[in-house]
PDB file of N, CA and C in Angstrom:
ATOM      1  N   UNK A   1      39.066  13.147  23.416  1.00  0.00           N
ATOM      2  CA  UNK A   1      39.915  12.763  22.194  1.00  0.00           C
ATOM      3  C   UNK A   1      38.786  12.241  21.210  1.00  0.00           C
ATOM      4  N   UNK A   2      38.728  12.749  20.083  1.00  0.00           N
ATOM      5  CA  UNK A   2      37.738  12.382  18.780  1.00  0.00           C
ATOM      6  C   UNK A   2      38.582  11.644  17.895  1.00  0.00           C
ATOM      7  N   UNK A   3      37.578  10.556  17.632  1.00  0.00           N
ATOM      8  CA  UNK A   3      38.135   9.432  16.582  1.00  0.00           C
ATOM      9  C   UNK A   3      37.098   9.650  15.512  1.00  0.00           C
ATOM     10  N   UNK A   4      37.929   8.991  14.501  1.00  0.00           N
ATOM     11  CA  UNK A   4      36.727   8.926  13.416  1.00  0.00           C
ATOM     12  C   UNK A   4      35.879   7.766  13.442  1.00  0.00           C
ATOM     13  N   UNK A   5      34.605   7.859  12.966  1.00  0.00           N
ATOM     14  CA  UNK A   5      33.518   7.071  12.884  1.00  0.00           C
ATOM     15  C   UNK A   5      34.133   5.864  12.455  1.00  0.00           C
ATOM     16  N   UNK A   6      33.654   4.566  12.803  1.00  0.00           N
ATOM     17  CA  UNK A   6      33.936   3.372  12.016  1.00  0.00           C
ATOM     18  C   UNK A   6      32.825   3.236  10.923  1.00  0.00           C
ATOM     19  N   UNK A   7      33.470   2.627   9.880  1.00  0.00           N
ATOM     20  CA  UNK A   7      32.258   2.649   8.790  1.00  0.00           C
ATOM     21  C   UNK A   7      31.500   1.024   9.003  1.00  0.00           C
ATOM     22  N   UNK A   8      30.108   1.226   8.637  1.00  0.00           N
ATOM     23  CA  UNK A   8      29.270  -0.044   8.681  1.00  0.00           C
ATOM     24  C   UNK A   8      29.843  -0.825   7.627  1.00  0.00           C
ATOM     25  N   UNK A   9      29.870  -2.257   8.275  1.00  0.00           N
ATOM     26  CA  UNK A   9      29.906  -3.347   7.277  1.00  0.00           C
ATOM     27  C   UNK A   9      28.975  -4.457   7.535  1.00  0.00           C
ATOM     28  N   UNK A  10      28.977  -5.301   6.236  1.00  0.00           N
ATOM     29  CA  UNK A  10      28.036  -6.369   6.444  1.00  0.00           C
ATOM     30  C   UNK A  10      28.498  -7.110   7.373  1.00  0.00           C
ATOM     31  N   UNK A  11      27.741  -7.927   8.407  1.00  0.00           N
ATOM     32  CA  UNK A  11      28.245  -8.718   9.109  1.00  0.00           C
ATOM     33  C   UNK A  11      28.782 -10.097   8.233  1.00  0.00           C
ATOM     34  N   UNK A  12      29.737 -10.732   8.518  1.00  0.00           N
ATOM     35  CA  UNK A  12      30.102 -12.080   7.778  1.00  0.00           C
ATOM     36  C   UNK A  12      28.972 -13.162   8.166  1.00  0.00           C
ATOM     37  N   UNK A  13      29.021 -13.858   6.978  1.00  0.00           N
ATOM     38  CA  UNK A  13      27.864 -14.980   7.110  1.00  0.00           C
ATOM     39  C   UNK A  13      28.490 -15.847   8.303  1.00  0.00           C
ATOM     40  N   UNK A  14      27.794 -16.399   8.996  1.00  0.00           N
ATOM     41  CA  UNK A  14      28.432 -17.605   9.936  1.00  0.00           C
ATOM     42  C   UNK A  14      28.076 -18.974   9.055  1.00  0.00           C
ATOM     43  N   UNK A  15      29.554 -19.647   9.359  1.00  0.00           N
ATOM     44  CA  UNK A  15      29.573 -20.970   8.598  1.00  0.00           C
ATOM     45  C   UNK A  15      28.601 -22.049   9.144  1.00  0.00           C
ATOM     46  N   UNK A  16      28.028 -22.540   7.990  1.00  0.00           N
ATOM     47  CA  UNK A  16      26.891 -23.867   8.396  1.00  0.00           C
ATOM     48  C   UNK A  16      25.491 -23.272   8.742  1.00  0.00           C
ATOM     49  N   UNK A  17      25.345 -22.013   8.978  1.00  0.00           N
ATOM     50  CA  UNK A  17      24.125 -21.673   9.401  1.00  0.00           C
ATOM     51  C   UNK A  17      23.373 -20.720   8.468  1.00  0.00           C
ATOM     52  N   UNK A  18      22.169 -21.225   8.025  1.00  0.00           N
ATOM     53  CA  UNK A  18      21.212 -20.815   6.858  1.00  0.00           C
ATOM     54  C   UNK A  18      19.680 -20.294   7.825  1.00  0.00           C
ATOM     55  N   UNK A  19      19.539 -19.233   7.343  1.00  0.00           N
ATOM     56  CA  UNK A  19      17.821 -19.034   7.554  1.00  0.00           C
ATOM     57  C   UNK A  19      18.015 -18.051   8.793  1.00  0.00           C
ATOM     58  N   UNK A  20      17.185 -18.308   9.860  1.00  0.00           N
ATOM     59  CA  UNK A  20      16.866 -17.328  10.906  1.00  0.00           C
ATOM     60  C   UNK A  20      17.538 -18.118  12.139  1.00  0.00           C
ATOM     61  N   UNK A  21      18.425 -19.079  12.042  1.00  0.00           N
ATOM     62  CA  UNK A  21      18.980 -19.399  13.145  1.00  0.00           C
ATOM     63  C   UNK A  21      19.339 -18.316  14.131  1.00  0.00           C
ATOM     64  N   UNK A  22      20.107 -17.244  13.515  1.00  0.00           N
ATOM     65  CA  UNK A  22      20.700 -16.299  14.639  1.00  0.00           C
ATOM     66  C   UNK A  22      19.900 -15.047  14.012  1.00  0.00           C
ATOM     67  N   UNK A  23      19.234 -14.324  14.818  1.00  0.00           N
ATOM     68  CA  UNK A  23      18.125 -13.372  14.784  1.00  0.00           C
ATOM     69  C   UNK A  23      17.894 -12.268  15.720  1.00  0.00           C
ATOM     70  N   UNK A  24      17.642 -11.218  15.563  1.00  0.00           N
ATOM     71  CA  UNK A  24      17.507 -10.262  16.738  1.00  0.00           C
ATOM     72  C   UNK A  24      15.864 -10.022  16.427  1.00  0.00           C
ATOM     73  N   UNK A  25      15.180 -10.285  17.712  1.00  0.00           N
ATOM     74  CA  UNK A  25      13.415  -9.874  17.517  1.00  0.00           C
ATOM     75  C   UNK A  25      13.251  -9.054  18.661  1.00  0.00           C
ATOM     76  N   UNK A  26      12.359  -8.138  18.067  1.00  0.00           N
ATOM     77  CA  UNK A  26      11.915  -7.332  18.868  1.00  0.00           C
ATOM     78  C   UNK A  26      10.373  -7.244  19.019  1.00  0.00           C
ATOM     79  N   UNK A  27       9.970  -6.975  20.269  1.00  0.00           N
ATOM     80  CA  UNK A  27       8.301  -7.096  20.706  1.00  0.00           C
ATOM     81  C   UNK A  27       7.932  -5.324  20.851  1.00  0.00           C
ATOM     82  N   UNK A  28       6.887  -4.868  20.082  1.00  0.00           N
ATOM     83  CA  UNK A  28       6.365  -3.729  20.411  1.00  0.00           C
ATOM     84  C   UNK A  28       4.700  -3.959  20.459  1.00  0.00           C
ATOM     85  N   UNK A  29       4.017  -2.875  20.888  1.00  0.00           N
ATOM     86  CA  UNK A  29       2.911  -2.715  21.008  1.00  0.00           C
ATOM     87  C   UNK A  29       2.461  -1.503  20.077  1.00  0.00           C
ATOM     88  N   UNK A  30       1.369  -1.763  19.534  1.00  0.00           N
ATOM     89  CA  UNK A  30       0.742  -0.751  18.673  1.00  0.00           C
ATOM     90  C   UNK A  30      -0.904  -0.395  18.987  1.00  0.00           C
ATOM     91  N   UNK A  31      -1.114   0.928  18.952  1.00  0.00           N
ATOM     92  CA  UNK A  31      -2.457   1.288  18.979  1.00  0.00           C
ATOM     93  C   UNK A  31      -3.027   2.050  17.988  1.00  0.00           C
ATOM     94  N   UNK A  32      -3.842   1.309  17.116  1.00  0.00           N
ATOM     95  CA  UNK A  32      -4.515   2.219  15.747  1.00  0.00           C
ATOM     96  C   UNK A  32      -5.784   2.395  16.170  1.00  0.00           C
ATOM     97  N   UNK A  33      -6.227   3.834  15.594  1.00  0.00           N
ATOM     98  CA  UNK A  33      -7.353   4.248  15.585  1.00  0.00           C
ATOM     99  C   UNK A  33      -7.564   5.271  14.232  1.00  0.00           C
ATOM    100  N   UNK A  34      -8.853   4.983  13.590  1.00  0.00           N
ATOM    101  CA  UNK A  34      -8.915   5.312  12.478  1.00  0.00           C
ATOM    102  C   UNK A  34      -8.602   5.081  11.292  1.00  0.00           C
ATOM    103  N   UNK A  35      -8.503   5.222  10.083  1.00  0.00           N
ATOM    104  CA  UNK A  35      -8.157   5.097   8.724  1.00  0.00           C
ATOM    105  C   UNK A  35      -7.011   5.126   8.759  1.00  0.00           C
ATOM    106  N   UNK A  36      -6.020   3.960   8.341  1.00  0.00           N
ATOM    107  CA  UNK A  36      -4.482   4.106   8.161  1.00  0.00           C
ATOM    108  C   UNK A  36      -4.386   3.925   6.500  1.00  0.00           C
ATOM    109  N   UNK A  37      -3.009   4.530   6.354  1.00  0.00           N
ATOM    110  CA  UNK A  37      -2.510   4.313   5.091  1.00  0.00           C
ATOM    111  C   UNK A  37      -1.920   2.888   4.986  1.00  0.00           C
ATOM    112  N   UNK A  38      -2.116   2.350   3.957  1.00  0.00           N
ATOM    113  CA  UNK A  38      -1.586   0.851   3.818  1.00  0.00           C
ATOM    114  C   UNK A  38      -0.799   0.650   2.562  1.00  0.00           C
ATOM    115  N   UNK A  39       0.366  -0.218   2.509  1.00  0.00           N
ATOM    116  CA  UNK A  39       1.301  -0.155   1.528  1.00  0.00           C
ATOM    117  C   UNK A  39       1.863  -1.884   1.689  1.00  0.00           C
ATOM    118  N   UNK A  40       1.852  -2.447   0.716  1.00  0.00           N
ATOM    119  CA  UNK A  40       2.377  -4.007   0.558  1.00  0.00           C
ATOM    120  C   UNK A  40       3.376  -4.004  -0.586  1.00  0.00           C
ATOM    121  N   UNK A  41       4.368  -4.798  -0.309  1.00  0.00           N
ATOM    122  CA  UNK A  41       5.516  -4.821  -1.290  1.00  0.00           C
ATOM    123  C   UNK A  41       6.348  -6.177  -1.276  1.00  0.00           C
ATOM    124  N   UNK A  42       6.726  -6.756  -2.350  1.00  0.00           N
ATOM    125  CA  UNK A  42       7.738  -7.847  -2.068  1.00  0.00           C
ATOM    126  C   UNK A  42       9.088  -7.271  -1.856  1.00  0.00           C
ATOM    127  N   UNK A  43       9.820  -7.610  -0.884  1.00  0.00           N
ATOM    128  CA  UNK A  43      11.088  -7.327  -0.803  1.00  0.00           C
ATOM    129  C   UNK A  43      12.388  -8.417  -0.997  1.00  0.00           C
ATOM    130  N   UNK A  44      12.945  -7.907  -1.761  1.00  0.00           N
ATOM    131  CA  UNK A  44      13.927  -8.764  -2.317  1.00  0.00           C
ATOM    132  C   UNK A  44      15.171  -8.769  -1.653  1.00  0.00           C
ATOM    133  N   UNK A  45      15.633 -10.130  -1.469  1.00  0.00           N
ATOM    134  CA  UNK A  45      16.593 -10.193  -0.518  1.00  0.00           C
ATOM    135  C   UNK A  45      17.944  -9.334  -0.804  1.00  0.00           C
ATOM    136  N   UNK A  46      18.710  -8.925   0.362  1.00  0.00           N
ATOM    137  CA  UNK A  46      19.845  -8.083  -0.041  1.00  0.00           C
ATOM    138  C   UNK A  46      21.032  -9.252  -0.539  1.00  0.00           C
ATOM    139  N   UNK A  47      20.737 -10.405  -0.156  1.00  0.00           N
ATOM    140  CA  UNK A  47      22.132 -11.129  -0.371  1.00  0.00           C
ATOM    141  C   UNK A  47      21.589 -12.465  -0.018  1.00  0.00           C
ATOM    142  N   UNK A  48      22.525 -13.364  -0.474  1.00  0.00           N
ATOM    143  CA  UNK A  48      22.159 -14.895  -0.414  1.00  0.00           C
ATOM    144  C   UNK A  48      21.142 -15.451  -1.297  1.00  0.00           C
ATOM    145  N   UNK A  49      20.782 -16.742  -1.044  1.00  0.00           N
ATOM    146  CA  UNK A  49      19.731 -17.522  -1.706  1.00  0.00           C
ATOM    147  C   UNK A  49      18.409 -17.418  -1.277  1.00  0.00           C
ATOM    148  N   UNK A  50      18.090 -16.579  -0.455  1.00  0.00           N
ATOM    149  CA  UNK A  50      16.887 -16.360   0.264  1.00  0.00           C
ATOM    150  C   UNK A  50      15.899 -15.973  -0.752  1.00  0.00           C
ATOM    151  N   UNK A  51      14.409 -16.264  -0.355  1.00  0.00           N
ATOM    152  CA  UNK A  51      13.570 -16.049  -1.435  1.00  0.00           C
ATOM    153  C   UNK A  51      12.818 -14.732  -1.322  1.00  0.00           C
ATOM    154  N   UNK A  52      13.197 -13.896  -0.483  1.00  0.00           N
ATOM    155  CA  UNK A  52      12.596 -12.577  -0.082  1.00  0.00           C
ATOM    156  C   UNK A  52      11.569 -12.556   0.977  1.00  0.00           C
ATOM    157  N   UNK A  53      10.921 -11.592   0.837  1.00  0.00           N
ATOM    158  CA  UNK A  53       9.887 -11.374   2.035  1.00  0.00           C
ATOM    159  C   UNK A  53       8.927 -10.509   1.511  1.00  0.00           C
ATOM    160  N   UNK A  54       7.689 -10.313   2.083  1.00  0.00           N
ATOM    161  CA  UNK A  54       6.643  -9.361   1.751  1.00  0.00           C
ATOM    162  C   UNK A  54       6.780  -8.428   3.124  1.00  0.00           C
ATOM    163  N   UNK A  55       6.627  -6.981   2.700  1.00  0.00           N
ATOM    164  CA  UNK A  55       6.815  -5.799   3.597  1.00  0.00           C
ATOM    165  C   UNK A  55       5.697  -5.372   3.516  1.00  0.00           C
ATOM    166  N   UNK A  56       4.649  -5.260   4.613  1.00  0.00           N
ATOM    167  CA  UNK A  56       3.432  -4.931   4.939  1.00  0.00           C
ATOM    168  C   UNK A  56       3.755  -3.551   5.977  1.00  0.00           C
ATOM    169  N   UNK A  57       2.987  -2.304   5.352  1.00  0.00           N
ATOM    170  CA  UNK A  57       3.112  -1.226   6.263  1.00  0.00           C
ATOM    171  C   UNK A  57       1.435  -0.749   6.393  1.00  0.00           C
ATOM    172  N   UNK A  58       0.973  -0.605   7.754  1.00  0.00           N
ATOM    173  CA  UNK A  58      -0.150  -0.076   8.153  1.00  0.00           C
ATOM    174  C   UNK A  58       0.051   1.042   8.929  1.00  0.00           C
ATOM    175  N   UNK A  59      -0.285   2.174   8.459  1.00  0.00           N
ATOM    176  CA  UNK A  59       0.217   3.356   9.280  1.00  0.00           C
ATOM    177  C   UNK A  59       1.628   3.733   9.375  1.00  0.00           C
ATOM    178  N   UNK A  60       2.223   3.826  10.516  1.00  0.00           N
ATOM    179  CA  UNK A  60       3.541   3.765  10.655  1.00  0.00           C
ATOM    180  C   UNK A  60       4.063   2.433  11.097  1.00  0.00           C
ATOM    181  N   UNK A  61       3.318   1.518  11.340  1.00  0.00           N
ATOM    182  CA  UNK A  61       3.900  -0.097  11.380  1.00  0.00           C
ATOM    183  C   UNK A  61       4.543  -0.637  10.338  1.00  0.00           C
ATOM    184  N   UNK A  62       5.434  -1.298  10.324  1.00  0.00           N
ATOM    185  CA  UNK A  62       5.824  -1.973   9.101  1.00  0.00           C
ATOM    186  C   UNK A  62       6.381  -3.498   9.773  1.00  0.00           C
ATOM    187  N   UNK A  63       5.900  -4.560   8.999  1.00  0.00           N
ATOM    188  CA  UNK A  63       6.206  -5.988   9.221  1.00  0.00           C
ATOM    189  C   UNK A  63       6.560  -6.555   8.210  1.00  0.00           C
ATOM    190  N   UNK A  64       7.650  -7.104   8.055  1.00  0.00           N
ATOM    191  CA  UNK A  64       8.511  -8.133   7.328  1.00  0.00           C
ATOM    192  C   UNK A  64       8.038  -9.470   7.401  1.00  0.00           C
ATOM    193  N   UNK A  65       7.168 -10.128   6.737  1.00  0.00           N
ATOM    194  CA  UNK A  65       6.848 -11.597   6.468  1.00  0.00           C
ATOM    195  C   UNK A  65       7.633 -12.265   5.853  1.00  0.00           C
ATOM    196  N   UNK A  66       8.400 -13.242   6.643  1.00  0.00           N
ATOM    197  CA  UNK A  66       9.303 -14.047   5.767  1.00  0.00           C
ATOM    198  C   UNK A  66       8.861 -15.550   5.238  1.00  0.00           C
ATOM    199  N   UNK A  67       7.886 -15.901   5.559  1.00  0.00           N
ATOM    200  CA  UNK A  67       7.367 -17.225   4.972  1.00  0.00           C
ATOM    201  C   UNK A  67       5.872 -17.347   4.898  1.00  0.00           C
ATOM    202  N   UNK A  68       5.268 -18.281   4.356  1.00  0.00           N
ATOM    203  CA  UNK A  68       4.041 -18.675   4.260  1.00  0.00           C
ATOM    204  C   UNK A  68       3.739 -18.971   5.702  1.00  0.00           C
ATOM    205  N   UNK A  69       4.020 -19.475   6.446  1.00  0.00           N
ATOM    206  CA  UNK A  69       3.686 -19.718   7.494  1.00  0.00           C
ATOM    207  C   UNK A  69       3.425 -18.569   8.662  1.00  0.00           C
ATOM    208  N   UNK A  70       4.139 -17.579   8.290  1.00  0.00           N
ATOM    209  CA  UNK A  70       4.031 -16.469   9.165  1.00  0.00           C
ATOM    210  C   UNK A  70       2.887 -15.556   8.530  1.00  0.00           C
ATOM    211  N   UNK A  71       2.748 -15.716   7.149  1.00  0.00           N
ATOM    212  CA  UNK A  71       1.699 -15.043   6.484  1.00  0.00           C
ATOM    213  C   UNK A  71       0.383 -15.554   6.915  1.00  0.00           C
ATOM    214  N   UNK A  72       0.106 -16.895   7.032  1.00  0.00           N
ATOM    215  CA  UNK A  72      -0.999 -17.470   7.552  1.00  0.00           C
ATOM    216  C   UNK A  72      -1.377 -17.379   9.049  1.00  0.00           C
ATOM    217  N   UNK A  73      -0.310 -17.014  10.089  1.00  0.00           N
ATOM    218  CA  UNK A  73      -0.335 -16.704  11.318  1.00  0.00           C
ATOM    219  C   UNK A  73      -1.394 -15.465  11.194  1.00  0.00           C
ATOM    220  N   UNK A  74      -0.521 -14.374  10.320  1.00  0.00           N
ATOM    221  CA  UNK A  74      -1.531 -13.158  10.584  1.00  0.00           C
ATOM    222  C   UNK A  74      -2.892 -12.799   9.951  1.00  0.00           C
ATOM    223  N   UNK A  75      -2.887 -13.692   8.647  1.00  0.00           N
ATOM    224  CA  UNK A  75      -4.288 -14.175   8.373  1.00  0.00           C
ATOM    225  C   UNK A  75      -5.305 -14.339   9.203  1.00  0.00           C
ATOM    226  N   UNK A  76      -4.715 -15.451   9.737  1.00  0.00           N
ATOM    227  CA  UNK A  76      -5.802 -16.399  10.934  1.00  0.00           C
ATOM    228  C   UNK A  76      -6.161 -15.163  11.913  1.00  0.00           C
ATOM    229  N   UNK A  77      -4.847 -14.286  12.518  1.00  0.00           N
ATOM    230  CA  UNK A  77      -5.419 -13.691  13.383  1.00  0.00           C
ATOM    231  C   UNK A  77      -6.240 -12.366  13.316  1.00  0.00           C
ATOM    232  N   UNK A  78      -5.869 -12.018  12.031  1.00  0.00           N
ATOM    233  CA  UNK A  78      -6.709 -10.665  11.519  1.00  0.00           C
ATOM    234  C   UNK A  78      -8.278 -11.020  11.464  1.00  0.00           C
ATOM    235  N   UNK A  79      -8.463 -12.379  10.777  1.00  0.00           N
ATOM    236  CA  UNK A  79      -9.836 -12.984  10.614  1.00  0.00           C
ATOM    237  C   UNK A  79     -10.464 -13.303  11.848  1.00  0.00           C
ATOM    238  N   UNK A  80      -9.896 -13.453  12.770  1.00  0.00           N
ATOM    239  CA  UNK A  80     -10.525 -13.681  14.008  1.00  0.00           C
ATOM    240  C   UNK A  80     -10.768 -12.223  14.854  1.00  0.00           C
ATOM    241  N   UNK A  81      -9.866 -11.209  14.227  1.00  0.00           N
ATOM    242  CA  UNK A  81     -10.398  -9.853  15.067  1.00  0.00           C
ATOM    243  C   UNK A  81     -11.286  -9.414  14.378  1.00  0.00           C
ATOM    244  N   UNK A  82     -11.742  -9.635  13.054  1.00  0.00           N
ATOM    245  CA  UNK A  82     -12.920  -9.167  12.217  1.00  0.00           C
ATOM    246  C   UNK A  82     -14.071  -9.871  12.620  1.00  0.00           C
ATOM    247  N   UNK A  83     -14.004 -10.861  13.284  1.00  0.00           N
ATOM    248  CA  UNK A  83     -15.328 -11.487  13.797  1.00  0.00           C
ATOM    249  C   UNK A  83     -15.600 -11.084  15.262  1.00  0.00           C
ATOM    250  N   UNK A  84     -14.887 -10.382  16.003  1.00  0.00           N
ATOM    251  CA  UNK A  84     -15.065  -9.778  17.067  1.00  0.00           C
ATOM    252  C   UNK A  84     -15.588  -8.495  16.878  1.00  0.00           C
ATOM    253  N   UNK A  85     -15.571  -7.467  15.720  1.00  0.00           N
ATOM    254  CA  UNK A  85     -15.670  -6.249  15.397  1.00  0.00           C
ATOM    255  C   UNK A  85     -16.995  -5.668  15.988  1.00  0.00           C
ATOM    256  N   UNK A  86     -18.172  -6.508  15.238  1.00  0.00           N
ATOM    257  CA  UNK A  86     -19.451  -6.213  15.824  1.00  0.00           C
ATOM    258  C   UNK A  86     -19.593  -6.061  17.635  1.00  0.00           C
ATOM    259  N   UNK A  87     -19.277  -7.157  18.029  1.00  0.00           N
ATOM    260  CA  UNK A  87     -19.265  -7.563  19.563  1.00  0.00           C
ATOM    261  C   UNK A  87     -18.379  -6.097  20.491  1.00  0.00           C
ATOM    262  N   UNK A  88     -17.471  -5.892  19.752  1.00  0.00           N
ATOM    263  CA  UNK A  88     -16.092  -4.941  20.529  1.00  0.00           C
ATOM    264  C   UNK A  88     -16.914  -3.561  20.313  1.00  0.00           C
ATOM    265  N   UNK A  89     -16.813  -3.119  18.881  1.00  0.00           N
ATOM    266  CA  UNK A  89     -17.172  -1.753  18.408  1.00  0.00           C
ATOM    267  C   UNK A  89     -18.676  -1.525  18.307  1.00  0.00           C
ATOM    268  N   UNK A  90     -19.562  -2.788  18.026  1.00  0.00           N
ATOM    269  CA  UNK A  90     -21.070  -2.278  17.837  1.00  0.00           C
ATOM    270  C   UNK A  90     -21.060  -2.402  16.479  1.00  0.00           C
ATOM    271  N   UNK A  91     -22.292  -2.846  15.854  1.00  0.00           N
ATOM    272  CA  UNK A  91     -22.626  -3.162  14.771  1.00  0.00           C
ATOM    273  C   UNK A  91     -22.319  -1.910  13.462  1.00  0.00           C
ATOM    274  N   UNK A  92     -21.782  -2.051  12.491  1.00  0.00           N
ATOM    275  CA  UNK A  92     -21.424  -1.334  11.252  1.00  0.00           C
ATOM    276  C   UNK A  92     -23.050  -0.522  10.838  1.00  0.00           C
ATOM    277  N   UNK A  93     -23.202   0.347  11.077  1.00  0.00           N
ATOM    278  CA  UNK A  93     -24.439   0.953  10.859  1.00  0.00           C
ATOM    279  C   UNK A  93     -24.429   2.016   9.610  1.00  0.00           C
ATOM    280  N   UNK A  94     -25.479   1.823   8.614  1.00  0.00           N
ATOM    281  CA  UNK A  94     -25.350   2.846   7.545  1.00  0.00           C
ATOM    282  C   UNK A  94     -25.402   4.228   7.781  1.00  0.00           C
ATOM    283  N   UNK A  95     -25.017   5.267   7.362  1.00  0.00           N
ATOM    284  CA  UNK A  95     -25.170   6.712   7.578  1.00  0.00           C
ATOM    285  C   UNK A  95     -26.560   6.886   7.866  1.00  0.00           C
ATOM    286  N   UNK A  96     -26.915   7.724   8.935  1.00  0.00           N
ATOM    287  CA  UNK A  96     -28.131   8.180   9.190  1.00  0.00           C
ATOM    288  C   UNK A  96     -29.146   9.154   8.056  1.00  0.00           C
ATOM    289  N   UNK A  97     -30.269   8.916   7.831  1.00  0.00           N
ATOM    290  CA  UNK A  97     -31.054   9.637   6.818  1.00  0.00           C
ATOM    291  C   UNK A  97     -31.071  11.061   7.373  1.00  0.00           C
ATOM    292  N   UNK A  98     -30.738  11.950   6.429  1.00  0.00           N
ATOM    293  CA  UNK A  98     -31.009  13.470   6.899  1.00  0.00           C
ATOM    294  C   UNK A  98     -32.168  14.165   6.376  1.00  0.00           C
ATOM    295  N   UNK A  99     -33.052  14.753   6.918  1.00  0.00           N
ATOM    296  CA  UNK A  99     -34.307  15.386   6.459  1.00  0.00           C
ATOM    297  C   UNK A  99     -35.226  14.862   5.596  1.00  0.00           C
ATOM    298  N   UNK A 100     -35.251  13.156   6.081  1.00  0.00           N
ATOM    299  CA  UNK A 100     -36.356  12.424   5.355  1.00  0.00           C
ATOM    300  C   UNK A 100     -36.025  12.284   3.872  1.00  0.00           C
ATOM    301  N   UNK A 101     -34.732  12.451   3.273  1.00  0.00           N
ATOM    302  CA  UNK A 101     -34.733  12.111   1.821  1.00  0.00           C
ATOM    303  C   UNK A 101     -34.280  10.686   1.758  1.00  0.00           C
ATOM    304  N   UNK A 102     -34.681   9.909   0.775  1.00  0.00           N
ATOM    305  CA  UNK A 102     -34.394   8.819   0.664  1.00  0.00           C
ATOM    306  C   UNK A 102     -33.081   8.672   0.022  1.00  0.00           C
ATOM    307  N   UNK A 103     -31.972   7.810   0.241  1.00  0.00           N
ATOM    308  CA  UNK A 103     -30.573   7.638  -0.167  1.00  0.00           C
ATOM    309  C   UNK A 103     -30.984   7.541  -1.960  1.00  0.00           C
ATOM    310  N   UNK A 104     -29.910   7.821  -2.437  1.00  0.00           N
ATOM    311  CA  UNK A 104     -30.037   8.162  -4.138  1.00  0.00           C
ATOM    312  C   UNK A 104     -29.583   6.380  -4.507  1.00  0.00           C
ATOM    313  N   UNK A 105     -30.574   6.280  -5.352  1.00  0.00           N
ATOM    314  CA  UNK A 105     -30.490   4.879  -6.263  1.00  0.00           C
ATOM    315  C   UNK A 105     -31.558   3.928  -5.718  1.00  0.00           C
ATOM    316  N   UNK A 106     -32.315   4.674  -4.344  1.00  0.00           N
ATOM    317  CA  UNK A 106     -33.216   3.780  -3.947  1.00  0.00           C
ATOM    318  C   UNK A 106     -34.670   3.783  -4.208  1.00  0.00           C
TER     319      UNK A 106
END
Protein backbone atom coordinates (compact mmCIF):
# COMPACT_ATOMS: atom_id res chain seq x y z
CA UNK A 1 0.00 0.00 0.00
CA UNK A 2 1.36 3.43 -0.93
CA UNK A 3 0.72 6.24 1.49
CA UNK A 4 1.16 9.95 1.01
CA UNK A 5 4.40 11.25 2.46
CA UNK A 6 3.96 13.34 5.60
CA UNK A 7 4.79 17.00 5.49
CA UNK A 8 7.70 18.33 7.46
CA UNK A 9 6.66 20.54 10.34
CA UNK A 10 8.64 22.56 12.83
CA UNK A 11 9.06 20.80 16.15
CA UNK A 12 6.96 22.60 18.76
CA UNK A 13 8.95 24.48 21.37
CA UNK A 14 9.21 22.75 24.74
CA UNK A 15 7.59 24.82 27.48
CA UNK A 16 10.12 26.33 29.84
CA UNK A 17 13.18 25.09 27.94
CA UNK A 18 15.56 27.62 26.41
CA UNK A 19 18.75 27.15 24.43
CA UNK A 20 20.54 23.87 24.07
CA UNK A 21 18.79 21.90 26.83
CA UNK A 22 17.56 19.38 24.25
CA UNK A 23 19.85 18.80 21.31
CA UNK A 24 21.09 16.18 18.92
CA UNK A 25 24.88 15.84 18.86
CA UNK A 26 26.87 14.17 16.10
CA UNK A 27 30.51 13.17 16.31
CA UNK A 28 32.60 12.87 13.17
CA UNK A 29 36.19 12.57 12.04
CA UNK A 30 37.75 14.47 9.16
CA UNK A 31 41.12 14.03 7.48
CA UNK A 32 42.18 17.14 5.57
CA UNK A 33 45.11 17.40 3.15
CA UNK A 34 46.07 20.17 0.78
CA UNK A 35 44.63 23.65 0.43
CA UNK A 36 40.98 23.82 1.46
CA UNK A 37 38.29 26.24 0.33
CA UNK A 38 37.14 28.33 3.33
CA UNK A 39 33.94 30.32 3.92
CA UNK A 40 32.72 32.01 7.12
CA UNK A 41 29.40 33.79 7.65
CA UNK A 42 26.96 34.79 10.39
CA UNK A 43 23.91 32.54 10.63
CA UNK A 44 20.67 34.30 11.54
CA UNK A 45 18.42 32.28 13.88
CA UNK A 46 15.44 30.72 12.12
CA UNK A 47 13.11 31.57 14.99
CA UNK A 48 13.06 32.66 18.58
CA UNK A 49 15.11 35.18 20.49
CA UNK A 50 18.46 33.48 19.81
CA UNK A 51 21.47 35.57 18.88
CA UNK A 52 22.49 33.43 15.92
CA UNK A 53 25.62 31.45 15.16
CA UNK A 54 28.72 31.60 13.02
CA UNK A 55 28.97 29.12 10.17
CA UNK A 56 32.52 28.03 9.35
CA UNK A 57 33.12 25.85 6.28
CA UNK A 58 36.54 24.39 5.57
CA UNK A 59 36.44 22.17 2.50
CA UNK A 60 33.37 19.98 2.98
CA UNK A 61 33.35 20.34 6.77
CA UNK A 62 30.76 22.74 8.17
CA UNK A 63 30.76 23.82 11.82
CA UNK A 64 28.14 26.03 13.47
CA UNK A 65 29.63 27.94 16.41
CA UNK A 66 26.85 28.83 18.85
CA UNK A 67 28.60 31.09 21.39
CA UNK A 68 31.86 32.80 22.34
CA UNK A 69 32.94 29.95 24.61
CA UNK A 70 32.74 27.49 21.73
CA UNK A 71 34.62 29.94 19.47
CA UNK A 72 37.40 30.30 22.07
CA UNK A 73 37.66 26.50 22.32
CA UNK A 74 38.16 26.20 18.55
CA UNK A 75 40.66 29.09 18.44
CA UNK A 76 42.65 27.58 21.30
CA UNK A 77 42.73 24.14 19.65
CA UNK A 78 43.90 25.54 16.30
CA UNK A 79 46.59 27.66 18.01
CA UNK A 80 47.91 24.49 19.70
CA UNK A 81 47.83 22.66 16.36
CA UNK A 82 49.76 25.49 14.70
CA UNK A 83 52.42 25.28 17.43
CA UNK A 84 52.96 21.60 16.53
CA UNK A 85 53.21 22.15 12.75
CA UNK A 86 57.03 22.29 12.42
CA UNK A 87 57.48 19.29 14.72
CA UNK A 88 54.93 17.15 12.88
CA UNK A 89 55.28 18.30 9.24
CA UNK A 90 58.83 19.67 9.25
CA UNK A 91 59.82 23.30 8.83
CA UNK A 92 58.11 25.43 6.19
CA UNK A 93 61.07 26.07 3.87
CA UNK A 94 61.24 28.60 1.03
CA UNK A 95 61.04 27.16 -2.50
CA UNK A 96 64.40 25.95 -3.88
CA UNK A 97 66.39 28.25 -6.16
CA UNK A 98 66.41 27.02 -9.73
CA UNK A 99 69.47 27.47 -11.99
CA UNK A 100 71.40 29.57 -9.50
CA UNK A 101 69.14 32.59 -10.07
CA UNK A 102 68.61 35.04 -7.27
CA UNK A 103 64.96 35.46 -6.25
CA UNK A 104 63.36 38.62 -7.65
CA UNK A 105 63.69 41.58 -5.32
CA UNK A 106 66.84 40.24 -3.60
